[in-house]
Amino acid sequence: MARPSLTKLARLARRSLRVPTGTSIRTFGHSKPNISFNPVSAPVQGILTSKRFVSSSSDRKKHITPDGEGAEPQAAPEVVRTPAVITDAEYHAAADAYMERLLDHLERLEEESADMDVEYSAGVMNIRFGPGTGTYVINKQPPNKQIWLSSPKSGPKRYDYVILGDGQHEKQDTACGEWLYLRDGTTMAELLREEIGIDLRMPVGDYGE
């Protein structure tokens, strides 16, 4: 056979051994991936592909939405009470009226209870109970425009004259003056009702009925 013919047959044999792109080589009945290499579709070392990339933008924007969604709820502002600005004459009028009203209630209860004794003189009131309770002392403090109370149960407290009610969310013309303990926001009337059983809101004649 001529040399050109042998060369042509050799080229045809090599071409028949090449595996076209996209085909697979089967060995022992199992299919193996294409041995061809496509540099465009393969991930480059050190660079994350789109399937592996995780965005954290949603976490960063969680609390900065314009309409406030996802933000922490804010607590209602605490109401801070301050003593009313009153003159010395107004203080004495308010304190004396309160002490007289309290004395009326105590004297009525004193008639009903043998274990209770009330004394009031020069702005100082002593309410004595039996050995199991002790003595309450309530007195005016003009320099501070306060009423001081000493309780055998809860200790000493200083009450300021504060205007309560008639606020933004309350009915108009409902403001009234109360003697308030600023540290916990309770009134003297509340303490007397809880510890002694006196309700200054009820008429004096209702006691003992």
C-alpha atoms as a PDB file:
ATOM      1  CA  MET A   1       0.000   0.000   0.000  1.00  0.00           C
ATOM      2  CA  ALA A   2       1.277   3.460  -0.824  1.00  0.00           C
ATOM      3  CA  ARG A   3       2.523   5.726   1.978  1.00  0.00           C
ATOM      4  CA  PRO A   4      -0.161   8.411   1.441  1.00  0.00           C
ATOM      5  CA  SER A   5      -2.861   5.797   1.902  1.00  0.00           C
ATOM      6  CA  LEU A   6      -1.338   4.585   5.198  1.00  0.00           C
ATOM      7  CA  THR A   7      -1.143   8.117   6.518  1.00  0.00           C
ATOM      8  CA  LYS A   8      -4.782   8.724   5.656  1.00  0.00           C
ATOM      9  CA  LEU A   9      -5.895   5.538   7.417  1.00  0.00           C
ATOM     10  CA  ALA A  10      -3.935   6.501  10.551  1.00  0.00           C
ATOM     11  CA  ARG A  11      -5.671   9.884  10.712  1.00  0.00           C
ATOM     12  CA  LEU A  12      -9.078   8.233  10.384  1.00  0.00           C
ATOM     13  CA  ALA A  13      -8.226   5.832  13.218  1.00  0.00           C
ATOM     14  CA  ARG A  14      -7.234   8.685  15.573  1.00  0.00           C
ATOM     15  CA  ARG A  15     -10.393  10.595  14.786  1.00  0.00           C
ATOM     16  CA  SER A  16     -12.523   7.558  15.646  1.00  0.00           C
ATOM     17  CA  LEU A  17     -10.886   7.358  19.101  1.00  0.00           C
ATOM     18  CA  ARG A  18     -11.743  10.976  20.039  1.00  0.00           C
ATOM     19  CA  VAL A  19     -14.760  11.428  22.333  1.00  0.00           C
ATOM     20  CA  PRO A  20     -17.083  14.263  21.247  1.00  0.00           C
ATOM     21  CA  THR A  21     -17.964  16.957  23.798  1.00  0.00           C
ATOM     22  CA  GLY A  22     -21.133  16.160  25.797  1.00  0.00           C
ATOM     23  CA  THR A  23     -20.823  12.344  25.458  1.00  0.00           C
ATOM     24  CA  SER A  24     -19.966   9.928  28.230  1.00  0.00           C
ATOM     25  CA  ILE A  25     -17.702   6.938  28.500  1.00  0.00           C
ATOM     26  CA  ARG A  26     -19.370   3.799  29.804  1.00  0.00           C
ATOM     27  CA  THR A  27     -17.242   1.383  31.784  1.00  0.00           C
ATOM     28  CA  PHE A  28     -18.624  -1.817  33.253  1.00  0.00           C
ATOM     29  CA  GLY A  29     -22.157  -0.589  32.715  1.00  0.00           C
ATOM     30  CA  HIS A  30     -21.746   2.694  34.724  1.00  0.00           C
ATOM     31  CA  SER A  31     -21.864   6.182  33.279  1.00  0.00           C
ATOM     32  CA  LYS A  32     -19.096   8.611  34.110  1.00  0.00           C
ATOM     33  CA  PRO A  33     -19.170  12.370  33.676  1.00  0.00           C
ATOM     34  CA  ASN A  34     -17.897  13.912  30.479  1.00  0.00           C
ATOM     35  CA  ILE A  35     -14.159  14.065  30.537  1.00  0.00           C
ATOM     36  CA  SER A  36     -14.185  17.306  28.598  1.00  0.00           C
ATOM     37  CA  PHE A  37     -13.407  20.450  30.611  1.00  0.00           C
ATOM     38  CA  ASN A  38     -15.266  23.714  30.175  1.00  0.00           C
ATOM     39  CA  PRO A  39     -13.338  26.527  31.930  1.00  0.00           C
ATOM     40  CA  VAL A  40     -16.228  28.967  31.622  1.00  0.00           C
ATOM     41  CA  SER A  41     -18.780  26.986  33.683  1.00  0.00           C
ATOM     42  CA  ALA A  42     -16.398  25.825  36.439  1.00  0.00           C
ATOM     43  CA  PRO A  43     -16.066  27.842  39.677  1.00  0.00           C
ATOM     44  CA  VAL A  44     -12.815  29.666  40.093  1.00  0.00           C
ATOM     45  CA  GLN A  45     -10.913  28.812  43.254  1.00  0.00           C
ATOM     46  CA  GLY A  46     -11.330  31.490  45.919  1.00  0.00           C
ATOM     47  CA  ILE A  47     -14.527  33.002  44.373  1.00  0.00           C
ATOM     48  CA  LEU A  48     -17.987  32.012  45.659  1.00  0.00           C
ATOM     49  CA  THR A  49     -20.512  30.944  43.066  1.00  0.00           C
ATOM     50  CA  SER A  50     -24.070  32.301  43.121  1.00  0.00           C
ATOM     51  CA  LYS A  51     -25.433  29.148  44.738  1.00  0.00           C
ATOM     52  CA  ARG A  52     -23.123  29.442  47.735  1.00  0.00           C
ATOM     53  CA  PHE A  53     -23.386  33.187  48.296  1.00  0.00           C
ATOM     54  CA  VAL A  54     -25.633  34.198  51.252  1.00  0.00           C
ATOM     55  CA  SER A  55     -26.727  37.818  51.527  1.00  0.00           C
ATOM     56  CA  SER A  56     -27.124  39.459  54.927  1.00  0.00           C
ATOM     57  CA  SER A  57     -28.815  42.603  53.660  1.00  0.00           C
ATOM     58  CA  SER A  58     -32.156  41.536  55.160  1.00  0.00           C
ATOM     59  CA  ASP A  59     -30.607  41.449  58.651  1.00  0.00           C
ATOM     60  CA  ARG A  60     -29.092  44.893  58.237  1.00  0.00           C
ATOM     61  CA  LYS A  61     -32.406  46.413  57.122  1.00  0.00           C
ATOM     62  CA  LYS A  62     -34.546  44.693  59.706  1.00  0.00           C
ATOM     63  CA  HIS A  63     -34.780  47.647  62.088  1.00  0.00           C
ATOM     64  CA  ILE A  64     -34.495  50.574  59.658  1.00  0.00           C
ATOM     65  CA  THR A  65     -37.749  50.324  57.746  1.00  0.00           C
ATOM     66  CA  PRO A  66     -39.309  53.750  57.128  1.00  0.00           C
ATOM     67  CA  ASP A  67     -42.698  52.815  58.592  1.00  0.00           C
ATOM     68  CA  GLY A  68     -41.200  51.457  61.791  1.00  0.00           C
ATOM     69  CA  GLU A  69     -42.071  47.789  61.164  1.00  0.00           C
ATOM     70  CA  GLY A  70     -39.932  45.450  63.207  1.00  0.00           C
ATOM     71  CA  ALA A  71     -38.891  48.174  65.636  1.00  0.00           C
ATOM     72  CA  GLU A  72     -39.030  47.601  69.368  1.00  0.00           C
ATOM     73  CA  PRO A  73     -42.296  48.846  70.970  1.00  0.00           C
ATOM     74  CA  GLN A  74     -41.785  51.904  73.120  1.00  0.00           C
ATOM     75  CA  ALA A  75     -43.228  52.087  76.600  1.00  0.00           C
ATOM     76  CA  ALA A  76     -45.628  54.847  77.478  1.00  0.00           C
ATOM     77  CA  PRO A  77     -43.906  57.817  79.101  1.00  0.00           C
ATOM     78  CA  GLU A  78     -44.048  57.806  82.876  1.00  0.00           C
ATOM     79  CA  VAL A  79     -46.087  60.580  84.449  1.00  0.00           C
ATOM     80  CA  VAL A  80     -43.899  62.607  86.783  1.00  0.00           C
ATOM     81  CA  ARG A  81     -45.777  64.447  89.530  1.00  0.00           C
ATOM     82  CA  THR A  82     -44.388  67.643  90.980  1.00  0.00           C
ATOM     83  CA  PRO A  83     -45.537  69.686  93.984  1.00  0.00           C
ATOM     84  CA  ALA A  84     -48.023  72.438  93.230  1.00  0.00           C
ATOM     85  CA  VAL A  85     -46.731  75.990  93.363  1.00  0.00           C
ATOM     86  CA  ILE A  86     -48.711  77.491  96.266  1.00  0.00           C
ATOM     87  CA  THR A  87     -48.244  80.329  98.692  1.00  0.00           C
ATOM     88  CA  ASP A  88     -47.848  79.912 102.434  1.00  0.00           C
ATOM     89  CA  ALA A  89     -51.464  80.915 102.952  1.00  0.00           C
ATOM     90  CA  GLU A  90     -52.668  78.371 100.390  1.00  0.00           C
ATOM     91  CA  TYR A  91     -50.542  75.681 102.037  1.00  0.00           C
ATOM     92  CA  HIS A  92     -52.019  76.322 105.489  1.00  0.00           C
ATOM     93  CA  ALA A  93     -55.555  76.387 104.102  1.00  0.00           C
ATOM     94  CA  ALA A  94     -55.103  73.062 102.275  1.00  0.00           C
ATOM     95  CA  ALA A  95     -53.237  71.361 105.150  1.00  0.00           C
ATOM     96  CA  ASP A  96     -55.654  72.561 107.840  1.00  0.00           C
ATOM     97  CA  ALA A  97     -58.696  71.469 105.805  1.00  0.00           C
ATOM     98  CA  TYR A  98     -57.169  68.006 105.307  1.00  0.00           C
ATOM     99  CA  MET A  99     -56.235  67.585 108.970  1.00  0.00           C
ATOM    100  CA  GLU A 100     -59.721  68.684 110.119  1.00  0.00           C
ATOM    101  CA  ARG A 101     -61.399  66.272 107.718  1.00  0.00           C
ATOM    102  CA  LEU A 102     -59.137  63.461 108.917  1.00  0.00           C
ATOM    103  CA  LEU A 103     -59.851  64.339 112.541  1.00  0.00           C
ATOM    104  CA  ASP A 104     -63.618  64.130 111.964  1.00  0.00           C
ATOM    105  CA  HIS A 105     -63.250  60.595 110.616  1.00  0.00           C
ATOM    106  CA  LEU A 106     -60.897  59.521 113.391  1.00  0.00           C
ATOM    107  CA  GLU A 107     -63.134  60.869 116.159  1.00  0.00           C
ATOM    108  CA  ARG A 108     -66.085  58.975 114.752  1.00  0.00           C
ATOM    109  CA  LEU A 109     -64.023  55.773 114.661  1.00  0.00           C
ATOM    110  CA  GLU A 110     -62.774  56.509 118.167  1.00  0.00           C
ATOM    111  CA  GLU A 111     -66.363  56.366 119.400  1.00  0.00           C
ATOM    112  CA  GLU A 112     -66.720  52.899 117.920  1.00  0.00           C
ATOM    113  CA  SER A 113     -63.399  51.475 119.100  1.00  0.00           C
ATOM    114  CA  ALA A 114     -62.084  51.275 122.658  1.00  0.00           C
ATOM    115  CA  ASP A 115     -58.538  50.546 121.413  1.00  0.00           C
ATOM    116  CA  MET A 116     -58.120  53.883 119.642  1.00  0.00           C
ATOM    117  CA  ASP A 117     -57.186  57.315 120.989  1.00  0.00           C
ATOM    118  CA  VAL A 118     -56.794  60.531 118.927  1.00  0.00           C
ATOM    119  CA  GLU A 119     -55.115  63.825 119.923  1.00  0.00           C
ATOM    120  CA  TYR A 120     -54.653  66.900 117.720  1.00  0.00           C
ATOM    121  CA  SER A 121     -52.923  70.095 118.798  1.00  0.00           C
ATOM    122  CA  ALA A 122     -50.733  72.744 117.127  1.00  0.00           C
ATOM    123  CA  GLY A 123     -50.683  70.918 113.810  1.00  0.00           C
ATOM    124  CA  VAL A 124     -49.621  67.573 115.316  1.00  0.00           C
ATOM    125  CA  MET A 125     -51.951  64.562 115.382  1.00  0.00           C
ATOM    126  CA  ASN A 126     -51.309  61.378 117.366  1.00  0.00           C
ATOM    127  CA  ILE A 127     -53.389  58.275 116.629  1.00  0.00           C
ATOM    128  CA  ARG A 128     -52.766  55.617 119.250  1.00  0.00           C
ATOM    129  CA  PHE A 129     -53.871  52.037 118.822  1.00  0.00           C
ATOM    130  CA  GLY A 130     -53.378  48.992 121.017  1.00  0.00           C
ATOM    131  CA  PRO A 131     -49.998  47.343 121.674  1.00  0.00           C
ATOM    132  CA  GLY A 132     -50.379  45.219 118.568  1.00  0.00           C
ATOM    133  CA  THR A 133     -50.362  48.244 116.220  1.00  0.00           C
ATOM    134  CA  GLY A 134     -48.655  51.286 117.724  1.00  0.00           C
ATOM    135  CA  THR A 135     -48.990  55.048 117.175  1.00  0.00           C
ATOM    136  CA  TYR A 136     -49.349  57.090 113.995  1.00  0.00           C
ATOM    137  CA  VAL A 137     -47.990  60.647 114.053  1.00  0.00           C
ATOM    138  CA  ILE A 138     -49.172  63.149 111.416  1.00  0.00           C
ATOM    139  CA  ASN A 139     -47.936  66.744 111.503  1.00  0.00           C
ATOM    140  CA  LYS A 140     -47.703  69.836 109.331  1.00  0.00           C
ATOM    141  CA  GLN A 141     -44.312  71.019 108.049  1.00  0.00           C
ATOM    142  CA  PRO A 142     -44.788  74.660 106.926  1.00  0.00           C
ATOM    143  CA  PRO A 143     -41.125  75.297 105.925  1.00  0.00           C
ATOM    144  CA  ASN A 144     -41.359  72.495 103.320  1.00  0.00           C
ATOM    145  CA  LYS A 145     -45.084  72.943 102.640  1.00  0.00           C
ATOM    146  CA  GLN A 146     -45.541  69.254 103.414  1.00  0.00           C
ATOM    147  CA  ILE A 147     -47.408  66.919 105.759  1.00  0.00           C
ATOM    148  CA  TRP A 148     -45.266  64.292 107.425  1.00  0.00           C
ATOM    149  CA  LEU A 149     -46.611  60.910 108.501  1.00  0.00           C
ATOM    150  CA  SER A 150     -44.932  58.289 110.647  1.00  0.00           C
ATOM    151  CA  SER A 151     -46.514  54.837 110.447  1.00  0.00           C
ATOM    152  CA  PRO A 152     -45.702  51.923 112.780  1.00  0.00           C
ATOM    153  CA  LYS A 153     -46.338  49.636 109.791  1.00  0.00           C
ATOM    154  CA  SER A 154     -44.689  51.329 106.793  1.00  0.00           C
ATOM    155  CA  GLY A 155     -42.387  53.940 108.344  1.00  0.00           C
ATOM    156  CA  PRO A 156     -42.043  57.699 107.738  1.00  0.00           C
ATOM    157  CA  LYS A 157     -43.276  59.477 104.604  1.00  0.00           C
ATOM    158  CA  ARG A 158     -43.325  63.093 103.439  1.00  0.00           C
ATOM    159  CA  TYR A 159     -46.352  64.214 101.455  1.00  0.00           C
ATOM    160  CA  ASP A 160     -46.418  67.142  99.033  1.00  0.00           C
ATOM    161  CA  TYR A 161     -49.507  68.954  97.820  1.00  0.00           C
ATOM    162  CA  VAL A 162     -50.006  67.924  94.172  1.00  0.00           C
ATOM    163  CA  ILE A 163     -52.745  68.744  91.682  1.00  0.00           C
ATOM    164  CA  LEU A 164     -54.108  65.463  90.265  1.00  0.00           C
ATOM    165  CA  GLY A 165     -56.452  65.034  87.322  1.00  0.00           C
ATOM    166  CA  ASP A 166     -57.494  67.461  84.579  1.00  0.00           C
ATOM    167  CA  GLY A 167     -54.733  66.086  82.354  1.00  0.00           C
ATOM    168  CA  GLN A 168     -54.653  65.569  78.602  1.00  0.00           C
ATOM    169  CA  HIS A 169     -56.587  62.279  78.738  1.00  0.00           C
ATOM    170  CA  GLU A 170     -58.818  63.115  81.684  1.00  0.00           C
ATOM    171  CA  LYS A 171     -62.139  64.888  81.974  1.00  0.00           C
ATOM    172  CA  GLN A 172     -62.104  68.650  82.198  1.00  0.00           C
ATOM    173  CA  ASP A 173     -62.596  70.312  85.603  1.00  0.00           C
ATOM    174  CA  THR A 174     -61.654  67.098  87.448  1.00  0.00           C
ATOM    175  CA  ALA A 175     -58.447  68.454  88.967  1.00  0.00           C
ATOM    176  CA  CYS A 176     -58.124  68.219  92.736  1.00  0.00           C
ATOM    177  CA  GLY A 177     -55.404  68.656  95.299  1.00  0.00           C
ATOM    178  CA  GLU A 178     -53.995  65.593  97.056  1.00  0.00           C
ATOM    179  CA  TRP A 179     -51.169  64.972  99.483  1.00  0.00           C
ATOM    180  CA  LEU A 180     -48.848  62.712  97.497  1.00  0.00           C
ATOM    181  CA  TYR A 181     -45.743  60.720  98.407  1.00  0.00           C
ATOM    182  CA  LEU A 182     -43.554  61.470  95.378  1.00  0.00           C
ATOM    183  CA  ARG A 183     -41.311  58.407  95.751  1.00  0.00           C
ATOM    184  CA  ASP A 184     -44.018  55.876  94.950  1.00  0.00           C
ATOM    185  CA  GLY A 185     -46.910  58.054  93.750  1.00  0.00           C
ATOM    186  CA  THR A 186     -49.344  57.030  96.505  1.00  0.00           C
ATOM    187  CA  THR A 187     -51.564  59.451  98.391  1.00  0.00           C
ATOM    188  CA  MET A 188     -51.943  59.797 102.120  1.00  0.00           C
ATOM    189  CA  ALA A 189     -55.627  58.906 101.753  1.00  0.00           C
ATOM    190  CA  GLU A 190     -54.619  55.568 100.201  1.00  0.00           C
ATOM    191  CA  LEU A 191     -52.283  54.753 103.083  1.00  0.00           C
ATOM    192  CA  LEU A 192     -54.913  55.663 105.698  1.00  0.00           C
ATOM    193  CA  ARG A 193     -57.478  53.510 103.912  1.00  0.00           C
ATOM    194  CA  GLU A 194     -55.166  50.490 103.685  1.00  0.00           C
ATOM    195  CA  GLU A 195     -53.562  50.656 107.147  1.00  0.00           C
ATOM    196  CA  ILE A 196     -56.213  52.248 109.378  1.00  0.00           C
ATOM    197  CA  GLY A 197     -59.432  51.630 107.472  1.00  0.00           C
ATOM    198  CA  ILE A 198     -60.381  55.300 107.029  1.00  0.00           C
ATOM    199  CA  ASP A 199     -62.005  56.283 103.726  1.00  0.00           C
ATOM    200  CA  LEU A 200     -61.954  60.056 103.424  1.00  0.00           C
ATOM    201  CA  ARG A 201     -64.247  59.887 100.391  1.00  0.00           C
ATOM    202  CA  MET A 202     -67.225  58.654 102.405  1.00  0.00           C
ATOM    203  CA  PRO A 203     -69.346  60.769 104.755  1.00  0.00           C
ATOM    204  CA  VAL A 204     -68.396  60.652 108.423  1.00  0.00           C
ATOM    205  CA  GLY A 205     -71.873  59.485 109.386  1.00  0.00           C
ATOM    206  CA  ASP A 206     -71.444  56.236 107.416  1.00  0.00           C
ATOM    207  CA  TYR A 207     -68.964  54.818 109.944  1.00  0.00           C
ATOM    208  CA  GLY A 208     -70.417  52.292 112.357  1.00  0.00           C
ATOM    209  CA  GLU A 209     -73.510  51.568 110.232  1.00  0.00           C
END
